[in-house]
All heavy atoms as atom14 arrays in JSON, in Angstrom:
{
  "sequence": "QRSVGILTIEGFAGTVIPKGFRVATETGKIFETVEEVTIIDKKIDVK",
  "atom14_mask": [
    [1, 1, 1, 1, 1, 1, 1, 1, 1, 0, 0, 0, 0, 0],
    [1, 1, 1, 1, 1, 1, 1, 1, 1, 1, 1, 0, 0, 0],
    [1, 1, 1, 1, 1, 1, 0, 0, 0, 0, 0, 0, 0, 0],
    [1, 1, 1, 1, 1, 1, 1, 0, 0, 0, 0, 0, 0, 0],
    [1, 1, 1, 1, 0, 0, 0, 0, 0, 0, 0, 0, 0, 0],
    [1, 1, 1, 1, 1, 1, 1, 1, 0, 0, 0, 0, 0, 0],
    [1, 1, 1, 1, 1, 1, 1, 1, 0, 0, 0, 0, 0, 0],
    [1, 1, 1, 1, 1, 1, 1, 0, 0, 0, 0, 0, 0, 0],
    [1, 1, 1, 1, 1, 1, 1, 1, 0, 0, 0, 0, 0, 0],
    [1, 1, 1, 1, 1, 1, 1, 1, 1, 0, 0, 0, 0, 0],
    [1, 1, 1, 1, 0, 0, 0, 0, 0, 0, 0, 0, 0, 0],
    [1, 1, 1, 1, 1, 1, 1, 1, 1, 1, 1, 0, 0, 0],
    [1, 1, 1, 1, 1, 0, 0, 0, 0, 0, 0, 0, 0, 0],
    [1, 1, 1, 1, 0, 0, 0, 0, 0, 0, 0, 0, 0, 0],
    [1, 1, 1, 1, 1, 1, 1, 0, 0, 0, 0, 0, 0, 0],
    [1, 1, 1, 1, 1, 1, 1, 0, 0, 0, 0, 0, 0, 0],
    [1, 1, 1, 1, 1, 1, 1, 1, 0, 0, 0, 0, 0, 0],
    [1, 1, 1, 1, 1, 1, 1, 0, 0, 0, 0, 0, 0, 0],
    [1, 1, 1, 1, 1, 1, 1, 1, 1, 0, 0, 0, 0, 0],
    [1, 1, 1, 1, 0, 0, 0, 0, 0, 0, 0, 0, 0, 0],
    [1, 1, 1, 1, 1, 1, 1, 1, 1, 1, 1, 0, 0, 0],
    [1, 1, 1, 1, 1, 1, 1, 1, 1, 1, 1, 0, 0, 0],
    [1, 1, 1, 1, 1, 1, 1, 0, 0, 0, 0, 0, 0, 0],
    [1, 1, 1, 1, 1, 0, 0, 0, 0, 0, 0, 0, 0, 0],
    [1, 1, 1, 1, 1, 1, 1, 0, 0, 0, 0, 0, 0, 0],
    [1, 1, 1, 1, 1, 1, 1, 1, 1, 0, 0, 0, 0, 0],
    [1, 1, 1, 1, 1, 1, 1, 0, 0, 0, 0, 0, 0, 0],
    [1, 1, 1, 1, 0, 0, 0, 0, 0, 0, 0, 0, 0, 0],
    [1, 1, 1, 1, 1, 1, 1, 1, 1, 0, 0, 0, 0, 0],
    [1, 1, 1, 1, 1, 1, 1, 1, 0, 0, 0, 0, 0, 0],
    [1, 1, 1, 1, 1, 1, 1, 1, 1, 1, 1, 0, 0, 0],
    [1, 1, 1, 1, 1, 1, 1, 1, 1, 0, 0, 0, 0, 0],
    [1, 1, 1, 1, 1, 1, 1, 0, 0, 0, 0, 0, 0, 0],
    [1, 1, 1, 1, 1, 1, 1, 0, 0, 0, 0, 0, 0, 0],
    [1, 1, 1, 1, 1, 1, 1, 1, 1, 0, 0, 0, 0, 0],
    [1, 1, 1, 1, 1, 1, 1, 1, 1, 0, 0, 0, 0, 0],
    [1, 1, 1, 1, 1, 1, 1, 0, 0, 0, 0, 0, 0, 0],
    [1, 1, 1, 1, 1, 1, 1, 0, 0, 0, 0, 0, 0, 0],
    [1, 1, 1, 1, 1, 1, 1, 1, 0, 0, 0, 0, 0, 0],
    [1, 1, 1, 1, 1, 1, 1, 1, 0, 0, 0, 0, 0, 0],
    [1, 1, 1, 1, 1, 1, 1, 1, 0, 0, 0, 0, 0, 0],
    [1, 1, 1, 1, 1, 1, 1, 1, 1, 0, 0, 0, 0, 0],
    [1, 1, 1, 1, 1, 1, 1, 1, 1, 0, 0, 0, 0, 0],
    [1, 1, 1, 1, 1, 1, 1, 1, 0, 0, 0, 0, 0, 0],
    [1, 1, 1, 1, 1, 1, 1, 1, 0, 0, 0, 0, 0, 0],
    [1, 1, 1, 1, 1, 1, 1, 0, 0, 0, 0, 0, 0, 0],
    [1, 1, 1, 1, 1, 1, 1, 1, 1, 0, 0, 0, 0, 0]
  ],
  "atom14_positions": [
    [[-9.34, -6.77, -17.47], [-9.38, -5.82, -16.32], [-8.29, -6.21, -15.3], [-7.93, -7.38, -15.16], [-10.74, -5.9, -15.64], [-11.92, -5.55, -16.56], [-11.93, -4.13, -17.01], [-11.67, -3.19, -16.22], [-12.15, -3.89, -18.31], [0.0, 0.0, 0.0], [0.0, 0.0, 0.0], [0.0, 0.0, 0.0], [0.0, 0.0, 0.0], [0.0, 0.0, 0.0]],
    [[-7.84, -5.19, -14.57], [-6.85, -5.4, -13.52], [-7.57, -5.72, -12.2], [-8.68, -5.31, -11.96], [-5.97, -4.2, -13.36], [-5.15, -3.87, -14.59], [-3.98, -2.96, -14.28], [-4.39, -1.59, -13.98], [-3.53, -0.65, -13.61], [-2.23, -0.91, -13.5], [-3.98, 0.58, -13.36], [0.0, 0.0, 0.0], [0.0, 0.0, 0.0], [0.0, 0.0, 0.0]],
    [[-6.86, -6.44, -11.34], [-7.44, -6.79, -10.05], [-7.25, -5.62, -9.08], [-6.27, -4.86, -9.15], [-6.67, -8.02, -9.48], [-7.26, -8.46, -8.28], [0.0, 0.0, 0.0], [0.0, 0.0, 0.0], [0.0, 0.0, 0.0], [0.0, 0.0, 0.0], [0.0, 0.0, 0.0], [0.0, 0.0, 0.0], [0.0, 0.0, 0.0], [0.0, 0.0, 0.0]],
    [[-8.2, -5.49, -8.18], [-8.22, -4.36, -7.2], [-8.37, -4.91, -5.79], [-9.13, -5.91, -5.6], [-9.36, -3.42, -7.52], [-9.39, -2.26, -6.5], [-9.25, -2.86, -8.96], [0.0, 0.0, 0.0], [0.0, 0.0, 0.0], [0.0, 0.0, 0.0], [0.0, 0.0, 0.0], [0.0, 0.0, 0.0], [0.0, 0.0, 0.0], [0.0, 0.0, 0.0]],
    [[-7.72, -4.3, -4.84], [-7.83, -4.76, -3.48], [-7.42, -3.67, -2.49], [-7.08, -2.54, -2.86], [0.0, 0.0, 0.0], [0.0, 0.0, 0.0], [0.0, 0.0, 0.0], [0.0, 0.0, 0.0], [0.0, 0.0, 0.0], [0.0, 0.0, 0.0], [0.0, 0.0, 0.0], [0.0, 0.0, 0.0], [0.0, 0.0, 0.0], [0.0, 0.0, 0.0]],
    [[-7.43, -4.04, -1.23], [-7.0, -3.12, -0.14], [-5.75, -3.69, 0.53], [-5.74, -4.85, 0.96], [-8.11, -2.91, 0.92], [-9.36, -2.29, 0.23], [-7.6, -2.02, 2.04], [-9.12, -0.91, -0.35], [0.0, 0.0, 0.0], [0.0, 0.0, 0.0], [0.0, 0.0, 0.0], [0.0, 0.0, 0.0], [0.0, 0.0, 0.0], [0.0, 0.0, 0.0]],
    [[-4.74, -2.85, 0.59], [-3.46, -3.22, 1.24], [-3.36, -2.55, 2.62], [-3.59, -1.37, 2.73], [-2.28, -2.81, 0.38], [-0.89, -3.19, 0.86], [-0.68, -4.7, 0.7], [0.19, -2.43, 0.15], [0.0, 0.0, 0.0], [0.0, 0.0, 0.0], [0.0, 0.0, 0.0], [0.0, 0.0, 0.0], [0.0, 0.0, 0.0], [0.0, 0.0, 0.0]],
    [[-3.09, -3.34, 3.61], [-2.87, -2.83, 4.96], [-1.36, -2.69, 5.2], [-0.61, -3.67, 5.13], [-3.49, -3.75, 6.04], [-4.91, -3.82, 5.83], [-3.22, -3.18, 7.42], [0.0, 0.0, 0.0], [0.0, 0.0, 0.0], [0.0, 0.0, 0.0], [0.0, 0.0, 0.0], [0.0, 0.0, 0.0], [0.0, 0.0, 0.0], [0.0, 0.0, 0.0]],
    [[-0.95, -1.45, 5.46], [0.48, -1.16, 5.68], [0.66, -0.78, 7.15], [0.02, 0.1, 7.67], [0.95, -0.01, 4.79], [0.67, -0.3, 3.32], [2.43, 0.28, 5.0], [0.96, 0.85, 2.38], [0.0, 0.0, 0.0], [0.0, 0.0, 0.0], [0.0, 0.0, 0.0], [0.0, 0.0, 0.0], [0.0, 0.0, 0.0], [0.0, 0.0, 0.0]],
    [[1.61, -1.45, 7.77], [1.94, -1.16, 9.2], [3.33, -0.54, 9.26], [4.22, -0.89, 8.49], [1.87, -2.46, 10.03], [0.48, -3.05, 10.15], [0.42, -4.21, 11.11], [1.48, -4.64, 11.58], [-0.68, -4.65, 11.4], [0.0, 0.0, 0.0], [0.0, 0.0, 0.0], [0.0, 0.0, 0.0], [0.0, 0.0, 0.0], [0.0, 0.0, 0.0]],
    [[3.47, 0.38, 10.21], [4.75, 1.06, 10.36], [4.67, 2.19, 11.33], [3.75, 2.27, 12.18], [0.0, 0.0, 0.0], [0.0, 0.0, 0.0], [0.0, 0.0, 0.0], [0.0, 0.0, 0.0], [0.0, 0.0, 0.0], [0.0, 0.0, 0.0], [0.0, 0.0, 0.0], [0.0, 0.0, 0.0], [0.0, 0.0, 0.0], [0.0, 0.0, 0.0]],
    [[5.6, 3.12, 11.25], [5.67, 4.25, 12.16], [4.75, 5.36, 11.72], [4.64, 5.69, 10.52], [7.12, 4.75, 12.28], [8.08, 3.74, 12.86], [8.92, 3.07, 12.01], [8.04, 3.45, 14.19], [9.83, 2.12, 12.56], [8.93, 2.49, 14.76], [9.8, 1.83, 13.89], [0.0, 0.0, 0.0], [0.0, 0.0, 0.0], [0.0, 0.0, 0.0]],
    [[4.05, 5.96, 12.67], [3.15, 7.05, 12.37], [3.89, 8.17, 11.68], [5.03, 8.52, 12.02], [2.47, 7.57, 13.66], [0.0, 0.0, 0.0], [0.0, 0.0, 0.0], [0.0, 0.0, 0.0], [0.0, 0.0, 0.0], [0.0, 0.0, 0.0], [0.0, 0.0, 0.0], [0.0, 0.0, 0.0], [0.0, 0.0, 0.0], [0.0, 0.0, 0.0]],
    [[3.23, 8.75, 10.66], [3.82, 9.85, 9.92], [4.59, 9.42, 8.68], [4.99, 10.26, 7.87], [0.0, 0.0, 0.0], [0.0, 0.0, 0.0], [0.0, 0.0, 0.0], [0.0, 0.0, 0.0], [0.0, 0.0, 0.0], [0.0, 0.0, 0.0], [0.0, 0.0, 0.0], [0.0, 0.0, 0.0], [0.0, 0.0, 0.0], [0.0, 0.0, 0.0]],
    [[4.78, 8.11, 8.5], [5.5, 7.61, 7.31], [4.63, 7.84, 6.09], [3.48, 7.45, 6.06], [5.82, 6.13, 7.44], [6.64, 5.92, 8.58], [6.55, 5.63, 6.21], [0.0, 0.0, 0.0], [0.0, 0.0, 0.0], [0.0, 0.0, 0.0], [0.0, 0.0, 0.0], [0.0, 0.0, 0.0], [0.0, 0.0, 0.0], [0.0, 0.0, 0.0]],
    [[5.17, 8.49, 5.07], [4.42, 8.77, 3.84], [4.64, 7.66, 2.85], [5.78, 7.29, 2.53], [4.87, 10.11, 3.24], [4.13, 10.4, 1.92], [4.62, 11.25, 4.22], [0.0, 0.0, 0.0], [0.0, 0.0, 0.0], [0.0, 0.0, 0.0], [0.0, 0.0, 0.0], [0.0, 0.0, 0.0], [0.0, 0.0, 0.0], [0.0, 0.0, 0.0]],
    [[3.51, 7.15, 2.33], [3.55, 6.08, 1.34], [3.17, 6.73, -0.03], [2.01, 7.13, -0.21], [2.57, 4.92, 1.63], [2.71, 4.52, 3.09], [2.78, 3.76, 0.65], [4.06, 4.0, 3.46], [0.0, 0.0, 0.0], [0.0, 0.0, 0.0], [0.0, 0.0, 0.0], [0.0, 0.0, 0.0], [0.0, 0.0, 0.0], [0.0, 0.0, 0.0]],
    [[4.09, 6.86, -0.97], [3.75, 7.54, -2.23], [2.84, 6.69, -3.17], [2.8, 5.48, -3.02], [5.12, 7.75, -2.84], [5.91, 6.56, -2.37], [5.48, 6.33, -0.95], [0.0, 0.0, 0.0], [0.0, 0.0, 0.0], [0.0, 0.0, 0.0], [0.0, 0.0, 0.0], [0.0, 0.0, 0.0], [0.0, 0.0, 0.0], [0.0, 0.0, 0.0]],
    [[2.21, 7.39, -4.05], [1.47, 6.7, -5.11], [2.47, 5.92, -5.95], [3.54, 6.38, -6.29], [0.75, 7.71, -6.0], [0.0, 7.13, -7.16], [-0.65, 8.25, -8.0], [-1.39, 7.63, -9.2], [-2.04, 8.7, -10.03], [0.0, 0.0, 0.0], [0.0, 0.0, 0.0], [0.0, 0.0, 0.0], [0.0, 0.0, 0.0], [0.0, 0.0, 0.0]],
    [[2.09, 4.65, -6.25], [3.01, 3.8, -7.05], [3.89, 2.9, -6.21], [4.74, 2.18, -6.71], [0.0, 0.0, 0.0], [0.0, 0.0, 0.0], [0.0, 0.0, 0.0], [0.0, 0.0, 0.0], [0.0, 0.0, 0.0], [0.0, 0.0, 0.0], [0.0, 0.0, 0.0], [0.0, 0.0, 0.0], [0.0, 0.0, 0.0], [0.0, 0.0, 0.0]],
    [[3.69, 2.94, -4.85], [4.41, 2.02, -3.99], [4.0, 0.57, -4.34], [2.83, 0.26, -4.43], [4.01, 2.34, -2.5], [4.53, 1.36, -1.51], [5.89, 1.27, -1.24], [3.63, 0.49, -0.83], [6.36, 0.35, -0.29], [4.1, -0.4, 0.11], [5.48, -0.5, 0.36], [0.0, 0.0, 0.0], [0.0, 0.0, 0.0], [0.0, 0.0, 0.0]],
    [[5.0, -0.27, -4.53], [4.72, -1.61, -5.08], [4.97, -2.74, -4.08], [5.93, -2.71, -3.31], [5.57, -1.85, -6.31], [5.15, -1.01, -7.51], [5.78, -1.48, -8.79], [5.19, -0.8, -9.96], [5.4, -1.14, -11.2], [6.23, -2.17, -11.5], [4.82, -0.49, -12.2], [0.0, 0.0, 0.0], [0.0, 0.0, 0.0], [0.0, 0.0, 0.0]],
    [[4.04, -3.7, -4.16], [4.16, -4.91, -3.32], [3.89, -6.1, -4.26], [3.39, -5.92, -5.37], [3.16, -4.94, -2.15], [3.47, -3.81, -1.17], [1.71, -4.76, -2.67], [0.0, 0.0, 0.0], [0.0, 0.0, 0.0], [0.0, 0.0, 0.0], [0.0, 0.0, 0.0], [0.0, 0.0, 0.0], [0.0, 0.0, 0.0], [0.0, 0.0, 0.0]],
    [[4.22, -7.28, -3.76], [4.03, -8.47, -4.61], [3.76, -9.71, -3.76], [4.03, -9.72, -2.55], [5.27, -8.67, -5.48], [0.0, 0.0, 0.0], [0.0, 0.0, 0.0], [0.0, 0.0, 0.0], [0.0, 0.0, 0.0], [0.0, 0.0, 0.0], [0.0, 0.0, 0.0], [0.0, 0.0, 0.0], [0.0, 0.0, 0.0], [0.0, 0.0, 0.0]],
    [[3.27, -10.76, -4.43], [3.12, -12.06, -3.81], [4.41, -12.82, -3.95], [5.32, -12.41, -4.71], [2.0, -12.88, -4.48], [2.35, -13.16, -5.82], [0.7, -12.06, -4.48], [0.0, 0.0, 0.0], [0.0, 0.0, 0.0], [0.0, 0.0, 0.0], [0.0, 0.0, 0.0], [0.0, 0.0, 0.0], [0.0, 0.0, 0.0], [0.0, 0.0, 0.0]],
    [[4.53, -13.96, -3.28], [5.72, -14.8, -3.43], [5.84, -15.35, -4.82], [6.92, -15.73, -5.24], [5.65, -15.94, -2.41], [5.82, -15.5, -0.95], [7.16, -14.87, -0.67], [8.12, -15.25, -1.35], [7.25, -13.99, 0.22], [0.0, 0.0, 0.0], [0.0, 0.0, 0.0], [0.0, 0.0, 0.0], [0.0, 0.0, 0.0], [0.0, 0.0, 0.0]],
    [[4.72, -15.41, -5.58], [4.76, -15.94, -6.93], [5.04, -14.84, -7.98], [5.02, -15.1, -9.19], [3.45, -16.65, -7.25], [2.34, -15.75, -7.08], [3.25, -17.87, -6.39], [0.0, 0.0, 0.0], [0.0, 0.0, 0.0], [0.0, 0.0, 0.0], [0.0, 0.0, 0.0], [0.0, 0.0, 0.0], [0.0, 0.0, 0.0], [0.0, 0.0, 0.0]],
    [[5.18, -13.61, -7.5], [5.59, -12.5, -8.41], [4.48, -11.68, -9.01], [4.68, -10.93, -9.95], [0.0, 0.0, 0.0], [0.0, 0.0, 0.0], [0.0, 0.0, 0.0], [0.0, 0.0, 0.0], [0.0, 0.0, 0.0], [0.0, 0.0, 0.0], [0.0, 0.0, 0.0], [0.0, 0.0, 0.0], [0.0, 0.0, 0.0], [0.0, 0.0, 0.0]],
    [[3.25, -11.77, -8.45], [2.18, -10.91, -8.94], [2.32, -9.56, -8.24], [2.25, -9.47, -7.0], [0.83, -11.54, -8.65], [0.61, -12.83, -9.43], [-0.71, -13.5, -9.17], [-0.88, -14.75, -9.97], [-2.2, -15.43, -9.71], [0.0, 0.0, 0.0], [0.0, 0.0, 0.0], [0.0, 0.0, 0.0], [0.0, 0.0, 0.0], [0.0, 0.0, 0.0]],
    [[2.42, -8.52, -9.06], [2.75, -7.18, -8.53], [1.53, -6.27, -8.48], [0.74, -6.24, -9.42], [3.83, -6.51, -9.4], [5.11, -7.44, -9.41], [4.2, -5.13, -8.9], [6.16, -6.95, -10.42], [0.0, 0.0, 0.0], [0.0, 0.0, 0.0], [0.0, 0.0, 0.0], [0.0, 0.0, 0.0], [0.0, 0.0, 0.0], [0.0, 0.0, 0.0]],
    [[1.41, -5.51, -7.39], [0.36, -4.52, -7.2], [1.01, -3.2, -6.81], [2.11, -3.16, -6.27], [-0.62, -4.92, -6.1], [-1.58, -6.01, -6.5], [-1.17, -7.31, -6.78], [-2.91, -5.72, -6.63], [-2.07, -8.29, -7.13], [-3.85, -6.67, -7.0], [-3.42, -7.97, -7.25], [0.0, 0.0, 0.0], [0.0, 0.0, 0.0], [0.0, 0.0, 0.0]],
    [[0.3, -2.06, -7.07], [0.82, -0.77, -6.7], [-0.3, 0.11, -6.12], [-1.46, -0.08, -6.47], [1.51, -0.07, -7.84], [0.6, 0.31, -9.03], [1.35, 0.99, -10.14], [2.58, 1.05, -10.08], [0.65, 1.5, -11.07], [0.0, 0.0, 0.0], [0.0, 0.0, 0.0], [0.0, 0.0, 0.0], [0.0, 0.0, 0.0], [0.0, 0.0, 0.0]],
    [[0.06, 0.99, -5.28], [-0.94, 1.9, -4.66], [-1.4, 2.95, -5.67], [-0.63, 3.32, -6.55], [-0.34, 2.61, -3.44], [0.83, 3.33, -3.81], [0.0, 1.59, -2.34], [0.0, 0.0, 0.0], [0.0, 0.0, 0.0], [0.0, 0.0, 0.0], [0.0, 0.0, 0.0], [0.0, 0.0, 0.0], [0.0, 0.0, 0.0], [0.0, 0.0, 0.0]],
    [[-2.63, 3.39, -5.55], [-3.19, 4.36, -6.47], [-3.22, 5.76, -5.97], [-3.6, 6.72, -6.67], [-4.63, 3.93, -6.88], [-4.64, 2.58, -7.52], [-5.55, 3.93, -5.67], [0.0, 0.0, 0.0], [0.0, 0.0, 0.0], [0.0, 0.0, 0.0], [0.0, 0.0, 0.0], [0.0, 0.0, 0.0], [0.0, 0.0, 0.0], [0.0, 0.0, 0.0]],
    [[-2.78, 5.98, -4.71], [-2.77, 7.32, -4.13], [-1.71, 7.39, -3.05], [-1.24, 6.39, -2.5], [-4.16, 7.66, -3.55], [-4.57, 6.7, -2.45], [-5.93, 7.06, -1.88], [-6.4, 8.18, -2.1], [-6.55, 6.15, -1.25], [0.0, 0.0, 0.0], [0.0, 0.0, 0.0], [0.0, 0.0, 0.0], [0.0, 0.0, 0.0], [0.0, 0.0, 0.0]],
    [[-1.33, 8.61, -2.71], [-0.39, 8.82, -1.59], [-1.14, 8.85, -0.28], [-2.19, 9.47, -0.16], [0.37, 10.14, -1.82], [1.4, 10.41, -0.7], [2.1, 11.75, -0.94], [2.83, 11.88, -1.89], [1.88, 12.66, -0.12], [0.0, 0.0, 0.0], [0.0, 0.0, 0.0], [0.0, 0.0, 0.0], [0.0, 0.0, 0.0], [0.0, 0.0, 0.0]],
    [[-0.6, 8.1, 0.72], [-1.19, 8.06, 2.03], [-0.15, 8.22, 3.11], [1.02, 8.06, 2.82], [-2.01, 6.78, 2.27], [-3.19, 6.67, 1.33], [-1.11, 5.55, 2.1], [0.0, 0.0, 0.0], [0.0, 0.0, 0.0], [0.0, 0.0, 0.0], [0.0, 0.0, 0.0], [0.0, 0.0, 0.0], [0.0, 0.0, 0.0], [0.0, 0.0, 0.0]],
    [[-0.57, 8.52, 4.32], [0.35, 8.63, 5.47], [-0.13, 7.72, 6.55], [-1.32, 7.66, 6.89], [0.35, 10.11, 5.96], [0.77, 10.95, 4.89], [1.37, 10.2, 7.13], [0.0, 0.0, 0.0], [0.0, 0.0, 0.0], [0.0, 0.0, 0.0], [0.0, 0.0, 0.0], [0.0, 0.0, 0.0], [0.0, 0.0, 0.0], [0.0, 0.0, 0.0]],
    [[0.81, 6.98, 7.15], [0.48, 6.03, 8.2], [0.01, 6.82, 9.45], [0.67, 7.73, 9.9], [1.67, 5.14, 8.58], [2.02, 4.25, 7.41], [1.38, 4.31, 9.81], [3.24, 3.34, 7.67], [0.0, 0.0, 0.0], [0.0, 0.0, 0.0], [0.0, 0.0, 0.0], [0.0, 0.0, 0.0], [0.0, 0.0, 0.0], [0.0, 0.0, 0.0]],
    [[-1.17, 6.43, 9.95], [-1.71, 7.05, 11.18], [-1.98, 5.95, 12.18], [-2.58, 4.91, 11.84], [-3.04, 7.8, 10.83], [-2.79, 8.85, 9.73], [-3.64, 8.38, 12.09], [-4.06, 9.51, 9.27], [0.0, 0.0, 0.0], [0.0, 0.0, 0.0], [0.0, 0.0, 0.0], [0.0, 0.0, 0.0], [0.0, 0.0, 0.0], [0.0, 0.0, 0.0]],
    [[-1.54, 6.13, 13.39], [-1.76, 5.19, 14.44], [-1.23, 3.78, 14.06], [-1.9, 2.78, 14.19], [-3.23, 5.08, 14.78], [-3.51, 4.37, 16.11], [-2.57, 4.35, 16.9], [-4.61, 3.89, 16.29], [0.0, 0.0, 0.0], [0.0, 0.0, 0.0], [0.0, 0.0, 0.0], [0.0, 0.0, 0.0], [0.0, 0.0, 0.0], [0.0, 0.0, 0.0]],
    [[-0.02, 3.79, 13.53], [0.74, 2.57, 13.26], [0.34, 1.77, 11.99], [1.02, 0.82, 11.6], [0.77, 1.65, 14.43], [1.46, 2.22, 15.65], [1.51, 1.22, 16.78], [2.21, 1.84, 18.02], [2.31, 0.86, 19.11], [0.0, 0.0, 0.0], [0.0, 0.0, 0.0], [0.0, 0.0, 0.0], [0.0, 0.0, 0.0], [0.0, 0.0, 0.0]],
    [[-0.83, 2.14, 11.35], [-1.17, 1.41, 10.13], [-2.13, 2.24, 9.28], [-2.77, 3.2, 9.79], [-1.78, 0.05, 10.45], [-3.13, 0.06, 11.05], [-3.66, -1.37, 11.22], [-5.07, -1.38, 11.81], [-5.59, -2.77, 11.94], [0.0, 0.0, 0.0], [0.0, 0.0, 0.0], [0.0, 0.0, 0.0], [0.0, 0.0, 0.0], [0.0, 0.0, 0.0]],
    [[-2.23, 1.89, 8.02], [-3.14, 2.56, 7.08], [-3.58, 1.59, 6.03], [-2.8, 0.69, 5.63], [-2.43, 3.79, 6.45], [-3.42, 4.68, 5.65], [-1.29, 3.35, 5.57], [-4.34, 5.45, 6.53], [0.0, 0.0, 0.0], [0.0, 0.0, 0.0], [0.0, 0.0, 0.0], [0.0, 0.0, 0.0], [0.0, 0.0, 0.0], [0.0, 0.0, 0.0]],
    [[-4.81, 1.7, 5.56], [-5.34, 0.91, 4.43], [-5.31, 1.77, 3.17], [-5.7, 2.96, 3.22], [-6.76, 0.45, 4.71], [-6.82, -0.62, 5.79], [-5.78, -1.27, 6.03], [-7.9, -0.81, 6.36], [0.0, 0.0, 0.0], [0.0, 0.0, 0.0], [0.0, 0.0, 0.0], [0.0, 0.0, 0.0], [0.0, 0.0, 0.0], [0.0, 0.0, 0.0]],
    [[-4.9, 1.19, 2.06], [-4.82, 1.94, 0.82], [-5.21, 1.0, -0.34], [-4.94, -0.19, -0.32], [-3.38, 2.51, 0.58], [-2.36, 1.41, 0.51], [-3.37, 3.38, -0.67], [0.0, 0.0, 0.0], [0.0, 0.0, 0.0], [0.0, 0.0, 0.0], [0.0, 0.0, 0.0], [0.0, 0.0, 0.0], [0.0, 0.0, 0.0], [0.0, 0.0, 0.0]],
    [[-5.85, 1.61, -1.35], [-6.27, 0.8, -2.51], [-5.07, 0.5, -3.38], [-4.21, 1.31, -3.64], [-7.31, 1.61, -3.31], [-7.86, 0.92, -4.55], [-8.88, 1.76, -5.26], [-9.41, 1.09, -6.5], [-10.41, 1.94, -7.17], [0.0, 0.0, 0.0], [0.0, 0.0, 0.0], [0.0, 0.0, 0.0], [0.0, 0.0, 0.0], [0.0, 0.0, 0.0]]
  ]
}
């Protein structure tokens, strides 16, 4: 099974984060978002 978590993204309001946006740890473990979201009030949580 794959690992699941919540990513908090901070930035400018209105910024669109597409599905498949990728982040990683310093050791190279990669995660990607499962849906498209838009930053509201400077930050947004996404699975």
